[in-house]
């Protein structure tokens, strides 16, 4: 009985560890993709068009990830990504406290 509890406890720990490793790997992939997208659109686009401070550009792109911008980028649908960036910039500014209240 004690052995069963230890084994199931170890499985839970292994599962948590696997989840953490998977999450870490996904974060690394996302950071690489964020940099590729940032390089493609260049800082000037984010700063001039969306008024995103240079130090917040990666955070802004990360904010837009749930809009499937990586998939769209891989498909060459850059205009759609620009539309997403433009439509999301005000929301990002509000949650990032970049707007004056």
N, C-alpha and C. Protein backbone atom coordinates (compact mmCIF):
# COMPACT_ATOMS: atom_id res chain seq x y z
N UNK A 1 0.82 -1.19 0.00
CA UNK A 1 0.00 0.00 0.00
C UNK A 1 0.87 1.26 0.00
N UNK A 2 1.91 1.29 0.85
CA UNK A 2 2.80 2.46 0.89
C UNK A 2 3.51 2.62 -0.43
N UNK A 3 3.94 1.52 -1.05
CA UNK A 3 4.62 1.56 -2.33
C UNK A 3 3.73 2.19 -3.40
N UNK A 4 2.46 1.83 -3.40
CA UNK A 4 1.52 2.39 -4.37
C UNK A 4 1.39 3.89 -4.20
N UNK A 5 1.34 4.36 -2.98
CA UNK A 5 1.23 5.80 -2.72
C UNK A 5 2.49 6.51 -3.20
N UNK A 6 3.66 5.93 -2.94
CA UNK A 6 4.91 6.54 -3.39
C UNK A 6 4.99 6.58 -4.91
N UNK A 7 4.59 5.51 -5.56
CA UNK A 7 4.63 5.47 -7.01
C UNK A 7 3.68 6.51 -7.60
N UNK A 8 2.47 6.57 -7.08
CA UNK A 8 1.52 7.55 -7.63
C UNK A 8 1.99 8.97 -7.32
N UNK A 9 2.63 9.18 -6.18
CA UNK A 9 3.19 10.49 -5.87
C UNK A 9 4.30 10.86 -6.83
N UNK A 10 5.14 9.88 -7.16
CA UNK A 10 6.22 10.12 -8.11
C UNK A 10 5.67 10.40 -9.51
N UNK A 11 4.60 9.72 -9.88
CA UNK A 11 3.98 9.96 -11.18
C UNK A 11 3.44 11.38 -11.26
N UNK A 12 2.85 11.82 -10.17
CA UNK A 12 2.35 13.20 -10.16
C UNK A 12 3.49 14.19 -10.32
N UNK A 13 4.60 13.93 -9.61
CA UNK A 13 5.78 14.80 -9.72
C UNK A 13 6.34 14.75 -11.13
N UNK A 14 6.41 13.55 -11.70
CA UNK A 14 6.90 13.40 -13.08
C UNK A 14 6.01 14.15 -14.06
N UNK A 15 4.70 14.06 -13.84
CA UNK A 15 3.76 14.77 -14.70
C UNK A 15 3.93 16.27 -14.60
N UNK A 16 4.11 16.77 -13.38
CA UNK A 16 4.32 18.21 -13.18
C UNK A 16 5.63 18.65 -13.82
N UNK A 17 6.66 17.83 -13.66
CA UNK A 17 7.96 18.14 -14.26
C UNK A 17 7.86 18.17 -15.78
N UNK A 18 7.17 17.19 -16.35
CA UNK A 18 6.99 17.14 -17.80
C UNK A 18 6.23 18.39 -18.26
N UNK A 19 5.19 18.76 -17.53
CA UNK A 19 4.43 19.96 -17.90
C UNK A 19 5.30 21.21 -17.85
N UNK A 20 6.14 21.30 -16.82
CA UNK A 20 7.05 22.45 -16.72
C UNK A 20 8.05 22.47 -17.87
N UNK A 21 8.59 21.31 -18.21
CA UNK A 21 9.53 21.22 -19.32
C UNK A 21 8.86 21.57 -20.65
N UNK A 22 7.63 21.08 -20.85
CA UNK A 22 6.88 21.40 -22.06
C UNK A 22 6.59 22.89 -22.14
N UNK A 23 6.21 23.48 -21.01
CA UNK A 23 5.93 24.91 -20.97
C UNK A 23 7.19 25.72 -21.26
N UNK A 24 8.32 25.29 -20.70
CA UNK A 24 9.59 25.97 -20.94
C UNK A 24 9.97 25.90 -22.42
N UNK A 25 9.80 24.74 -23.03
CA UNK A 25 10.10 24.58 -24.45
C UNK A 25 9.20 25.46 -25.29
N UNK A 26 7.91 25.53 -24.96
CA UNK A 26 6.97 26.37 -25.72
C UNK A 26 7.35 27.84 -25.57
N UNK A 27 7.76 28.25 -24.38
CA UNK A 27 8.19 29.63 -24.17
C UNK A 27 9.41 29.97 -25.02
N UNK A 28 10.36 29.04 -25.12
CA UNK A 28 11.55 29.27 -25.95
C UNK A 28 11.16 29.39 -27.42
N UNK A 29 10.26 28.54 -27.87
CA UNK A 29 9.79 28.60 -29.26
C UNK A 29 9.08 29.93 -29.50
N UNK A 30 8.22 30.32 -28.56
CA UNK A 30 7.50 31.60 -28.70
C UNK A 30 8.46 32.77 -28.75
N UNK A 31 9.49 32.78 -27.90
CA UNK A 31 10.46 33.88 -27.90
C UNK A 31 11.20 33.96 -29.23
N UNK A 32 11.54 32.81 -29.78
CA UNK A 32 12.20 32.79 -31.09
C UNK A 32 11.27 33.36 -32.16
N UNK A 33 10.01 32.93 -32.16
CA UNK A 33 9.05 33.42 -33.13
C UNK A 33 8.76 34.90 -32.95
N UNK A 34 8.70 35.35 -31.70
CA UNK A 34 8.50 36.77 -31.43
C UNK A 34 9.63 37.58 -32.06
N UNK A 35 10.85 37.11 -31.91
CA UNK A 35 12.00 37.83 -32.47
C UNK A 35 11.96 37.85 -34.00
N UNK A 36 11.54 36.74 -34.60
CA UNK A 36 11.43 36.68 -36.06
C UNK A 36 10.38 37.67 -36.55
N UNK A 37 9.23 37.71 -35.88
CA UNK A 37 8.16 38.63 -36.26
C UNK A 37 8.61 40.07 -36.05
N UNK A 38 9.26 40.34 -34.93
CA UNK A 38 9.75 41.69 -34.65
C UNK A 38 10.76 42.14 -35.72
N UNK A 39 11.65 41.25 -36.09
CA UNK A 39 12.64 41.59 -37.12
C UNK A 39 11.96 41.87 -38.46
N UNK A 40 10.92 41.10 -38.77
CA UNK A 40 10.23 41.29 -40.05
C UNK A 40 9.54 42.66 -40.11
N UNK A 41 8.78 42.98 -39.07
CA UNK A 41 8.02 44.24 -39.09
C UNK A 41 8.87 45.44 -38.67
N UNK A 42 9.97 45.22 -38.02
CA UNK A 42 10.92 46.22 -37.57
C UNK A 42 10.31 47.13 -36.49
N UNK A 43 11.19 47.62 -35.63
CA UNK A 43 10.77 48.41 -34.48
C UNK A 43 9.99 49.66 -34.87
N UNK A 44 10.37 50.27 -35.99
CA UNK A 44 9.70 51.49 -36.42
C UNK A 44 8.20 51.32 -36.59
N UNK A 45 7.77 50.18 -37.10
CA UNK A 45 6.34 49.91 -37.26
C UNK A 45 5.63 49.94 -35.92
N UNK A 46 6.21 49.28 -34.94
CA UNK A 46 5.57 49.20 -33.63
C UNK A 46 5.60 50.56 -32.92
N UNK A 47 6.70 51.27 -33.07
CA UNK A 47 6.86 52.55 -32.38
C UNK A 47 6.01 53.63 -33.04
N UNK A 48 6.09 53.75 -34.36
CA UNK A 48 5.40 54.83 -35.08
C UNK A 48 3.91 54.55 -35.30
N UNK A 49 3.59 53.36 -35.73
CA UNK A 49 2.20 53.05 -36.07
C UNK A 49 1.37 52.75 -34.83
N UNK A 50 1.91 51.96 -33.93
CA UNK A 50 1.15 51.51 -32.76
C UNK A 50 1.50 52.25 -31.48
N UNK A 51 2.53 53.08 -31.54
CA UNK A 51 2.97 53.86 -30.37
C UNK A 51 3.31 52.95 -29.18
N UNK A 52 3.99 51.86 -29.49
CA UNK A 52 4.46 50.93 -28.47
C UNK A 52 5.92 51.29 -28.16
N UNK A 53 6.26 51.53 -26.91
CA UNK A 53 7.66 51.82 -26.57
C UNK A 53 8.57 50.65 -26.96
N UNK A 54 9.78 50.97 -27.37
CA UNK A 54 10.72 49.96 -27.84
C UNK A 54 10.87 48.81 -26.85
N UNK A 55 10.94 49.13 -25.56
CA UNK A 55 11.16 48.09 -24.55
C UNK A 55 9.91 47.21 -24.32
N UNK A 56 8.77 47.58 -24.91
CA UNK A 56 7.54 46.81 -24.73
C UNK A 56 7.14 46.03 -25.98
N UNK A 57 7.94 46.11 -27.04
CA UNK A 57 7.56 45.48 -28.31
C UNK A 57 7.40 43.97 -28.16
N UNK A 58 8.36 43.30 -27.54
CA UNK A 58 8.24 41.84 -27.37
C UNK A 58 7.01 41.47 -26.56
N UNK A 59 6.73 42.23 -25.52
CA UNK A 59 5.53 41.97 -24.70
C UNK A 59 4.26 42.17 -25.53
N UNK A 60 4.27 43.17 -26.40
CA UNK A 60 3.11 43.43 -27.26
C UNK A 60 2.90 42.26 -28.23
N UNK A 61 3.97 41.81 -28.86
CA UNK A 61 3.84 40.68 -29.79
C UNK A 61 3.36 39.45 -29.03
N UNK A 62 3.90 39.23 -27.84
CA UNK A 62 3.45 38.10 -27.02
C UNK A 62 1.97 38.22 -26.68
N UNK A 63 1.52 39.43 -26.41
CA UNK A 63 0.11 39.69 -26.14
C UNK A 63 -0.76 39.26 -27.33
N UNK A 64 -0.22 39.38 -28.53
CA UNK A 64 -0.98 39.07 -29.74
C UNK A 64 -0.90 37.59 -30.14
N UNK A 65 -0.08 36.80 -29.47
CA UNK A 65 0.07 35.39 -29.83
C UNK A 65 -1.25 34.61 -29.86
N UNK A 66 -2.17 34.84 -28.91
CA UNK A 66 -3.44 34.10 -28.96
C UNK A 66 -4.27 34.38 -30.22
N UNK A 67 -3.90 35.40 -30.97
CA UNK A 67 -4.60 35.72 -32.23
C UNK A 67 -4.01 34.94 -33.40
N UNK A 68 -3.19 33.94 -33.10
CA UNK A 68 -2.60 33.05 -34.10
C UNK A 68 -1.66 33.75 -35.08
N UNK A 69 -0.94 34.76 -34.59
CA UNK A 69 -0.06 35.50 -35.49
C UNK A 69 1.11 34.65 -35.98
N UNK A 70 1.54 33.66 -35.22
CA UNK A 70 2.63 32.80 -35.70
C UNK A 70 2.16 31.99 -36.90
N UNK A 71 0.98 31.43 -36.81
CA UNK A 71 0.42 30.69 -37.94
C UNK A 71 0.26 31.60 -39.15
N UNK A 72 -0.31 32.79 -38.93
CA UNK A 72 -0.50 33.73 -40.03
C UNK A 72 0.83 34.13 -40.65
N UNK A 73 1.85 34.33 -39.82
CA UNK A 73 3.17 34.68 -40.32
C UNK A 73 3.73 33.55 -41.18
N UNK A 74 3.59 32.33 -40.70
CA UNK A 74 4.07 31.17 -41.47
C UNK A 74 3.35 31.04 -42.80
N UNK A 75 2.12 31.52 -42.85
CA UNK A 75 1.34 31.47 -44.08
C UNK A 75 1.60 32.68 -44.99
N UNK A 76 2.42 33.62 -44.52
CA UNK A 76 2.73 34.81 -45.31
C UNK A 76 1.62 35.84 -45.30
N UNK A 77 0.75 35.78 -44.31
CA UNK A 77 -0.41 36.69 -44.24
C UNK A 77 -0.07 37.90 -43.36
N UNK A 78 0.91 38.65 -43.82
CA UNK A 78 1.47 39.76 -43.04
C UNK A 78 0.49 40.92 -42.87
N UNK A 79 -0.35 41.19 -43.88
CA UNK A 79 -1.33 42.28 -43.73
C UNK A 79 -2.33 41.97 -42.63
N UNK A 80 -2.72 40.72 -42.50
CA UNK A 80 -3.65 40.33 -41.44
C UNK A 80 -2.99 40.53 -40.07
N UNK A 81 -1.71 40.23 -39.99
CA UNK A 81 -0.99 40.43 -38.73
C UNK A 81 -0.93 41.92 -38.41
N UNK A 82 -0.68 42.75 -39.42
CA UNK A 82 -0.66 44.20 -39.18
C UNK A 82 -2.00 44.67 -38.66
N UNK A 83 -3.10 44.15 -39.22
CA UNK A 83 -4.44 44.51 -38.74
C UNK A 83 -4.61 44.10 -37.28
N UNK A 84 -4.13 42.92 -36.93
CA UNK A 84 -4.22 42.46 -35.55
C UNK A 84 -3.42 43.39 -34.64
N UNK A 85 -2.20 43.73 -35.05
CA UNK A 85 -1.38 44.63 -34.24
C UNK A 85 -2.08 45.96 -34.03
N UNK A 86 -2.64 46.50 -35.09
CA UNK A 86 -3.31 47.80 -34.98
C UNK A 86 -4.54 47.71 -34.09
N UNK A 87 -5.31 46.63 -34.24
CA UNK A 87 -6.53 46.51 -33.42
C UNK A 87 -6.23 46.16 -31.97
N UNK A 88 -5.10 45.54 -31.69
CA UNK A 88 -4.77 45.13 -30.33
C UNK A 88 -3.96 46.16 -29.54
N UNK A 89 -3.45 47.18 -30.20
CA UNK A 89 -2.54 48.09 -29.51
C UNK A 89 -3.22 48.85 -28.37
N UNK A 90 -4.47 49.28 -28.54
CA UNK A 90 -5.14 50.00 -27.46
C UNK A 90 -5.41 49.10 -26.26
N UNK A 91 -5.83 47.87 -26.53
CA UNK A 91 -6.06 46.91 -25.45
C UNK A 91 -4.76 46.65 -24.69
N UNK A 92 -3.67 46.46 -25.42
CA UNK A 92 -2.37 46.23 -24.79
C UNK A 92 -1.95 47.43 -23.95
N UNK A 93 -2.15 48.61 -24.48
CA UNK A 93 -1.76 49.82 -23.73
C UNK A 93 -2.55 49.92 -22.43
N UNK A 94 -3.82 49.58 -22.46
CA UNK A 94 -4.64 49.65 -21.25
C UNK A 94 -4.17 48.65 -20.20
N UNK A 95 -3.93 47.42 -20.62
CA UNK A 95 -3.52 46.43 -19.62
C UNK A 95 -2.07 46.61 -19.21
N UNK A 96 -1.29 47.30 -20.02
CA UNK A 96 0.12 47.55 -19.69
C UNK A 96 0.32 48.91 -19.05
N UNK A 97 -0.76 49.64 -18.83
CA UNK A 97 -0.71 50.95 -18.21
C UNK A 97 0.15 51.93 -19.02
N UNK A 98 0.03 51.86 -20.35
CA UNK A 98 0.78 52.78 -21.20
C UNK A 98 -0.03 54.02 -21.57
N UNK A 99 -1.32 54.00 -21.22
CA UNK A 99 -2.15 55.16 -21.54
C UNK A 99 -2.30 56.02 -20.31
N UNK A 100 -2.55 57.28 -20.53
CA UNK A 100 -2.77 58.20 -19.41
C UNK A 100 -4.23 58.07 -18.98
N UNK A 101 -4.45 58.01 -17.69
CA UNK A 101 -5.82 57.88 -17.16
C UNK A 101 -6.35 59.23 -16.79
